Amino acid sequence: MSNVAIRIDNMSRDFDTTRALDGLSLEVPSGIVFGFLGPNGAGKTTTIRLLLGLLEPTTGRAEVLGYDTVTQAEEVRARTGALLENSGVYEQMSAEDNLEFYGRINRMSKSDRDARIKELLTNIGLWERRKEKAADWSRGMRQKLALARAMFHRPPLILLDEPTAGLDVASAVAVREDLTSLAESEGVTVFLTTHNMSEAEKICNQVGVIRAGRLVTIGHPDELRAKAGRPQVEIVGRGFDEHILGLLRARPEVISVESQNGRLTINLREATDPAPLVSLLVGEGAQVEEVHRGSASLEDVFLTLMEEEK
């Protein structure tokens, strides 16, 4: 198998007078979790539908696992798993029957279906509840089942469109952990769309950022932080009143200051020694307990990139 799972070459897609995707070129290596990030309406879902051959590009082309998405769309869909806005879970059927049905569609043998059902439902903690109707489950549990369904026929690539959207925090964390664990154990490539920066930072080996149908940047989350993020200093202590915050904000090296629960987050224009800032705080009567150098989060980087693209 090629070491490139997805190759997109100058692909655009128009809907009437709207250009949803604008000259996208992208390569996704095999065996990684790739996060495709962008605000709502950026073109993320359109990209997934193009990759699955559910839409045809207006210009350009794409290959998935070496297959052309237009002329070989059936081969693409047979070799990929997908979780789109509709989970594909039949709520009046049990978890076991949902996966059994999907295995039959993919012409898996009875022994293979049985083994796969037990393996996946055990891995996501639902084996003991396999006889229950999906309708009786929480949304988070149904999303876990949908994830298992997407991986059931052992595809080398799965495409997930906002897999944790609309879930509560606990359910989203559980789905994210299951996705990471399943991806590692199955050795698959994951192409994941999301606008949840924290989620991408936790599970993605590489991310691409899209805005208004155009690719803004691509790289490992650490690379993006280093390239687009600004250095930070975190200071923990007491006595950070508005007067002190005003003095900090007036410093030429300081971009912004946030104060919450005795913790200052100071965004700097460039990496500098925080000692003068600490001296200022102490000189004004504040008590400094801890000082930490840091870098901007992926969310900070994302917001910076969105501002630069305006």
Protein backbone atom coordinates (compact mmCIF):
# COMPACT_ATOMS: atom_id res chain seq x y z
CA MET A 1 0.00 0.00 0.00
CA SER A 2 1.17 3.54 -0.76
CA ASN A 3 2.43 5.62 2.14
CA VAL A 4 -0.10 8.29 1.09
CA ALA A 5 -3.70 7.55 2.05
CA ILE A 6 -5.27 10.68 0.53
CA ARG A 7 -3.97 12.86 -2.28
CA ILE A 8 -5.93 15.97 -3.32
CA ASP A 9 -4.75 18.02 -6.30
CA ASN A 10 -6.11 21.56 -6.83
CA MET A 11 -9.68 20.48 -6.10
CA SER A 12 -12.57 22.95 -6.14
CA ARG A 13 -16.30 22.51 -5.75
CA ASP A 14 -19.00 25.01 -6.66
CA PHE A 15 -22.65 25.01 -5.59
CA ASP A 16 -24.46 27.41 -7.95
CA THR A 17 -22.67 30.72 -7.33
CA THR A 18 -20.94 29.61 -4.12
CA ARG A 19 -17.42 28.16 -4.15
CA ALA A 20 -17.36 25.74 -1.20
CA LEU A 21 -13.85 24.45 -1.89
CA ASP A 22 -11.21 26.55 -3.62
CA GLY A 23 -8.12 24.91 -5.12
CA LEU A 24 -7.42 22.49 -2.26
CA SER A 25 -4.19 20.49 -2.51
CA LEU A 26 -3.32 18.11 0.31
CA GLU A 27 -1.56 14.83 1.07
CA VAL A 28 -2.37 12.70 4.12
CA PRO A 29 0.22 10.03 5.03
CA SER A 30 -0.97 6.52 5.87
CA GLY A 31 -1.21 5.43 9.49
CA ILE A 32 -1.87 8.79 11.17
CA VAL A 33 -4.78 10.66 12.72
CA PHE A 34 -5.21 13.74 10.53
CA GLY A 35 -7.34 16.62 11.76
CA PHE A 36 -9.04 18.84 9.20
CA LEU A 37 -9.89 21.98 11.14
CA GLY A 38 -11.98 24.98 10.32
CA PRO A 39 -15.01 27.03 11.34
CA ASN A 40 -18.52 26.02 10.29
CA GLY A 41 -18.97 26.53 6.57
CA ALA A 42 -15.23 26.29 5.81
CA GLY A 43 -15.62 23.33 3.43
CA LYS A 44 -14.80 20.40 5.74
CA THR A 45 -17.94 18.32 5.08
CA THR A 46 -17.78 19.07 1.35
CA THR A 47 -14.23 17.69 1.33
CA ILE A 48 -15.27 14.42 2.97
CA ARG A 49 -18.18 13.97 0.55
CA LEU A 50 -15.81 14.58 -2.38
CA LEU A 51 -13.33 12.04 -0.97
CA LEU A 52 -16.08 9.43 -0.74
CA GLY A 53 -17.21 10.09 -4.30
CA LEU A 54 -20.61 11.33 -3.11
CA LEU A 55 -19.88 14.62 -4.91
CA GLU A 56 -17.78 15.30 -7.97
CA PRO A 57 -15.26 18.16 -7.99
CA THR A 58 -15.87 21.13 -10.25
CA THR A 59 -12.15 21.20 -11.00
CA GLY A 60 -9.14 19.16 -9.84
CA ARG A 61 -9.08 15.58 -8.62
CA ALA A 62 -8.43 13.37 -5.62
CA GLU A 63 -7.21 9.85 -4.92
CA VAL A 64 -8.14 7.81 -1.86
CA LEU A 65 -6.01 4.71 -1.20
CA GLY A 66 -4.80 5.02 -4.79
CA TYR A 67 -8.30 5.12 -6.31
CA ASP A 68 -9.74 8.05 -8.23
CA THR A 69 -12.73 9.44 -6.35
CA VAL A 70 -14.76 10.03 -9.53
CA THR A 71 -14.01 7.06 -11.80
CA GLN A 72 -13.44 4.53 -8.97
CA ALA A 73 -15.86 5.82 -6.32
CA GLU A 74 -17.25 2.35 -5.54
CA GLU A 75 -13.75 1.00 -4.85
CA VAL A 76 -13.10 3.98 -2.57
CA ARG A 77 -16.30 3.43 -0.56
CA ALA A 78 -15.69 -0.32 -0.29
CA ARG A 79 -12.29 0.29 1.30
CA THR A 80 -13.15 3.13 3.66
CA GLY A 81 -15.25 3.52 6.77
CA ALA A 82 -17.24 6.71 7.25
CA LEU A 83 -19.16 8.47 9.98
CA LEU A 84 -21.05 11.44 8.57
CA GLU A 85 -23.81 13.65 9.98
CA ASN A 86 -26.13 10.62 9.88
CA SER A 87 -24.57 7.94 12.08
CA GLY A 88 -26.12 5.07 10.13
CA VAL A 89 -27.25 3.38 13.36
CA TYR A 90 -30.67 1.68 13.20
CA GLU A 91 -32.15 2.67 16.54
CA GLN A 92 -34.83 -0.03 16.66
CA MET A 93 -32.18 -2.74 16.37
CA SER A 94 -29.77 -3.90 19.05
CA ALA A 95 -26.08 -3.00 18.92
CA GLU A 96 -25.28 -6.58 18.01
CA ASP A 97 -27.84 -6.66 15.19
CA ASN A 98 -26.63 -3.32 13.82
CA LEU A 99 -23.11 -4.67 13.41
CA GLU A 100 -24.36 -8.08 12.19
CA PHE A 101 -26.37 -6.35 9.45
CA TYR A 102 -23.41 -4.23 8.42
CA GLY A 103 -21.14 -7.28 8.32
CA ARG A 104 -23.58 -9.08 6.02
CA ILE A 105 -23.65 -6.09 3.66
CA ASN A 106 -19.86 -6.34 3.47
CA ARG A 107 -20.08 -10.11 2.84
CA MET A 108 -18.12 -11.08 5.91
CA SER A 109 -18.33 -14.71 7.02
CA LYS A 110 -20.45 -15.64 10.06
CA SER A 111 -17.40 -16.53 12.15
CA ASP A 112 -15.66 -13.27 11.17
CA ARG A 113 -18.79 -11.24 11.97
CA ASP A 114 -19.20 -12.86 15.40
CA ALA A 115 -15.55 -12.35 16.31
CA ARG A 116 -15.55 -8.77 15.10
CA ILE A 117 -18.72 -7.87 17.03
CA LYS A 118 -17.24 -9.15 20.26
CA GLU A 119 -13.86 -7.52 19.62
CA LEU A 120 -15.16 -4.04 18.86
CA LEU A 121 -17.98 -3.91 21.43
CA THR A 122 -15.58 -5.17 24.11
CA ASN A 123 -12.99 -2.51 23.17
CA ILE A 124 -15.53 0.31 23.58
CA GLY A 125 -17.15 -1.11 26.71
CA LEU A 126 -20.52 -2.06 25.19
CA TRP A 127 -20.29 -5.86 24.96
CA GLU A 128 -22.46 -6.45 28.02
CA ARG A 129 -25.17 -4.26 26.51
CA ARG A 130 -25.08 -5.70 23.01
CA LYS A 131 -28.69 -7.01 23.17
CA GLU A 132 -30.17 -3.60 24.01
CA LYS A 133 -31.92 -1.43 21.43
CA ALA A 134 -29.80 1.50 20.30
CA ALA A 135 -32.86 3.72 20.83
CA ASP A 136 -32.54 3.14 24.59
CA TRP A 137 -28.96 4.39 24.63
CA SER A 138 -27.53 7.86 25.17
CA ARG A 139 -26.32 9.82 22.16
CA GLY A 140 -22.73 9.21 23.22
CA MET A 141 -23.24 5.43 23.29
CA ARG A 142 -24.90 5.50 19.87
CA GLN A 143 -21.94 7.49 18.55
CA LYS A 144 -19.58 4.82 19.91
CA LEU A 145 -21.62 2.18 18.09
CA ALA A 146 -21.46 4.26 14.90
CA LEU A 147 -17.69 4.41 15.25
CA ALA A 148 -17.56 0.62 15.64
CA ARG A 149 -19.76 0.29 12.54
CA ALA A 150 -17.41 2.51 10.53
CA MET A 151 -14.47 0.26 11.46
CA PHE A 152 -16.31 -3.06 11.32
CA HIS A 153 -15.07 -4.29 7.91
CA ARG A 154 -11.45 -3.39 8.80
CA PRO A 155 -11.02 -0.48 6.37
CA PRO A 156 -7.50 0.98 6.09
CA LEU A 157 -9.01 4.49 6.20
CA ILE A 158 -11.90 6.01 8.13
CA LEU A 159 -13.42 9.43 7.45
CA LEU A 160 -15.15 11.07 10.39
CA ASP A 161 -17.17 14.28 10.10
CA GLU A 162 -17.38 16.02 13.50
CA PRO A 163 -17.63 12.72 15.44
CA THR A 164 -18.10 14.40 18.85
CA ALA A 165 -20.35 17.28 17.77
CA GLY A 166 -23.37 17.69 20.03
CA LEU A 167 -22.05 15.32 22.71
CA ASP A 168 -21.65 16.30 26.35
CA VAL A 169 -18.10 16.59 27.65
CA ALA A 170 -17.94 13.10 29.19
CA SER A 171 -19.35 11.43 26.07
CA ALA A 172 -17.01 13.39 23.80
CA VAL A 173 -13.98 12.36 25.88
CA ALA A 174 -15.11 8.72 25.81
CA VAL A 175 -15.60 8.73 22.03
CA ARG A 176 -12.24 10.45 21.55
CA GLU A 177 -10.47 7.87 23.72
CA ASP A 178 -12.18 5.02 21.88
CA LEU A 179 -11.22 6.50 18.54
CA THR A 180 -7.56 6.79 19.56
CA SER A 181 -7.48 3.27 20.96
CA LEU A 182 -9.25 1.73 17.97
CA ALA A 183 -7.04 3.60 15.50
CA GLU A 184 -3.91 2.35 17.27
CA SER A 185 -5.10 -1.24 17.59
CA GLU A 186 -6.43 -1.38 14.01
CA GLY A 187 -3.53 0.53 12.44
CA VAL A 188 -5.86 2.62 10.29
CA THR A 189 -5.54 6.13 8.88
CA VAL A 190 -8.10 8.53 10.35
CA PHE A 191 -9.26 11.70 8.56
CA LEU A 192 -11.19 13.72 11.11
CA THR A 193 -13.02 17.01 10.63
CA THR A 194 -13.67 19.18 13.66
CA HIS A 195 -13.79 22.77 14.86
CA ASN A 196 -12.85 21.58 18.37
CA MET A 197 -9.23 22.66 18.70
CA SER A 198 -8.70 20.94 22.05
CA GLU A 199 -9.87 17.66 20.55
CA ALA A 200 -7.50 17.98 17.59
CA GLU A 201 -4.59 18.85 19.86
CA LYS A 202 -5.12 15.71 21.91
CA ILE A 203 -5.46 13.08 19.18
CA CYS A 204 -4.06 14.36 15.85
CA ASN A 205 -0.57 13.62 14.51
CA GLN A 206 -1.04 16.26 11.83
CA VAL A 207 -3.61 18.97 11.17
CA GLY A 208 -4.67 21.09 8.23
CA VAL A 209 -6.55 24.35 8.77
CA ILE A 210 -9.13 25.44 6.19
CA ARG A 211 -11.02 28.71 5.90
CA ALA A 212 -13.53 29.72 3.20
CA GLY A 213 -12.61 26.64 1.17
CA ARG A 214 -8.87 27.35 1.15
CA LEU A 215 -6.08 25.57 3.01
CA VAL A 216 -4.44 28.03 5.40
CA THR A 217 -1.68 25.86 6.88
CA ILE A 218 -0.72 22.24 7.60
CA GLY A 219 1.63 20.53 10.05
CA HIS A 220 2.00 18.83 13.43
CA PRO A 221 0.18 20.75 16.20
CA ASP A 222 3.56 21.56 17.79
CA GLU A 223 4.85 22.96 14.48
CA LEU A 224 1.81 25.17 14.08
CA ARG A 225 2.18 26.47 17.62
CA ALA A 226 5.83 27.26 16.97
CA LYS A 227 5.09 28.91 13.62
CA ALA A 228 1.91 30.84 14.30
CA GLY A 229 1.54 30.82 18.05
CA ARG A 230 2.97 33.46 20.33
CA PRO A 231 5.03 32.75 23.47
CA GLN A 232 3.29 32.91 26.82
CA VAL A 233 4.19 33.24 30.47
CA GLU A 234 1.91 31.88 33.18
CA ILE A 235 2.27 33.34 36.66
CA VAL A 236 0.50 31.91 39.69
CA GLY A 237 0.07 33.99 42.82
CA ARG A 238 -2.10 36.55 44.62
CA GLY A 239 -2.81 40.26 44.56
CA PHE A 240 -3.26 40.63 40.81
CA ASP A 241 -5.55 43.67 40.93
CA GLU A 242 -6.70 45.84 38.03
CA HIS A 243 -3.94 48.38 38.63
CA ILE A 244 -1.26 45.69 38.23
CA LEU A 245 -2.99 44.23 35.18
CA GLY A 246 -3.02 47.68 33.60
CA LEU A 247 0.71 48.09 34.18
CA LEU A 248 1.40 44.70 32.59
CA ARG A 249 -0.75 45.48 29.55
CA ALA A 250 1.15 48.75 29.05
CA ARG A 251 4.47 46.92 28.69
CA PRO A 252 5.79 46.99 25.07
CA GLU A 253 6.56 43.23 25.03
CA VAL A 254 3.06 42.29 26.20
CA ILE A 255 0.20 41.64 23.76
CA SER A 256 -2.50 40.68 26.26
CA VAL A 257 -3.05 39.62 29.85
CA GLU A 258 -5.76 37.32 31.19
CA SER A 259 -6.39 36.80 34.88
CA GLN A 260 -8.40 33.91 36.33
CA ASN A 261 -8.35 32.25 39.75
CA GLY A 262 -4.94 33.58 40.76
CA ARG A 263 -3.34 32.69 37.42
CA LEU A 264 -2.07 35.24 34.92
CA THR A 265 -1.66 34.23 31.27
CA ILE A 266 0.54 36.79 29.52
CA ASN A 267 0.86 36.63 25.71
CA LEU A 268 4.16 38.09 24.50
CA ARG A 269 5.24 39.52 21.16
CA GLU A 270 8.36 37.36 21.21
CA ALA A 271 10.18 35.01 23.56
CA THR A 272 11.70 37.21 26.27
CA ASP A 273 12.93 36.83 29.82
CA PRO A 274 9.91 37.04 32.17
CA ALA A 275 12.05 38.42 35.04
CA PRO A 276 11.10 42.09 34.44
CA LEU A 277 7.41 41.16 34.55
CA VAL A 278 7.89 39.27 37.79
CA SER A 279 9.84 42.22 39.23
CA LEU A 280 6.99 44.55 38.30
CA LEU A 281 4.46 42.32 40.06
CA VAL A 282 6.54 41.98 43.22
CA GLY A 283 7.34 45.69 43.24
CA GLU A 284 3.61 46.47 43.17
CA GLY A 285 2.93 44.20 46.14
CA ALA A 286 1.68 41.04 44.40
CA GLN A 287 2.79 37.63 45.64
CA VAL A 288 4.32 35.38 42.96
CA GLU A 289 4.29 31.64 43.69
CA GLU A 290 5.05 30.03 40.30
CA VAL A 291 6.27 31.14 36.87
CA HIS A 292 5.92 28.95 33.78
CA ARG A 293 7.03 29.60 30.21
CA GLY A 294 4.67 28.22 27.60
CA SER A 295 3.36 28.55 24.08
CA ALA A 296 -0.03 29.30 22.67
CA SER A 297 -2.59 26.50 22.47
CA LEU A 298 -3.76 25.20 19.10
CA GLU A 299 -6.94 27.18 19.68
CA ASP A 300 -4.90 30.39 20.04
CA VAL A 301 -3.03 29.51 16.83
CA PHE A 302 -6.31 28.84 15.03
CA LEU A 303 -7.77 32.18 16.08
CA THR A 304 -4.58 33.95 14.97
CA LEU A 305 -4.73 32.25 11.56
CA MET A 306 -8.39 33.15 11.12
CA GLU A 307 -7.61 36.79 11.90
CA GLU A 308 -4.70 36.84 9.44
CA GLU A 309 -6.88 35.43 6.67
CA LYS A 310 -9.55 38.13 6.95
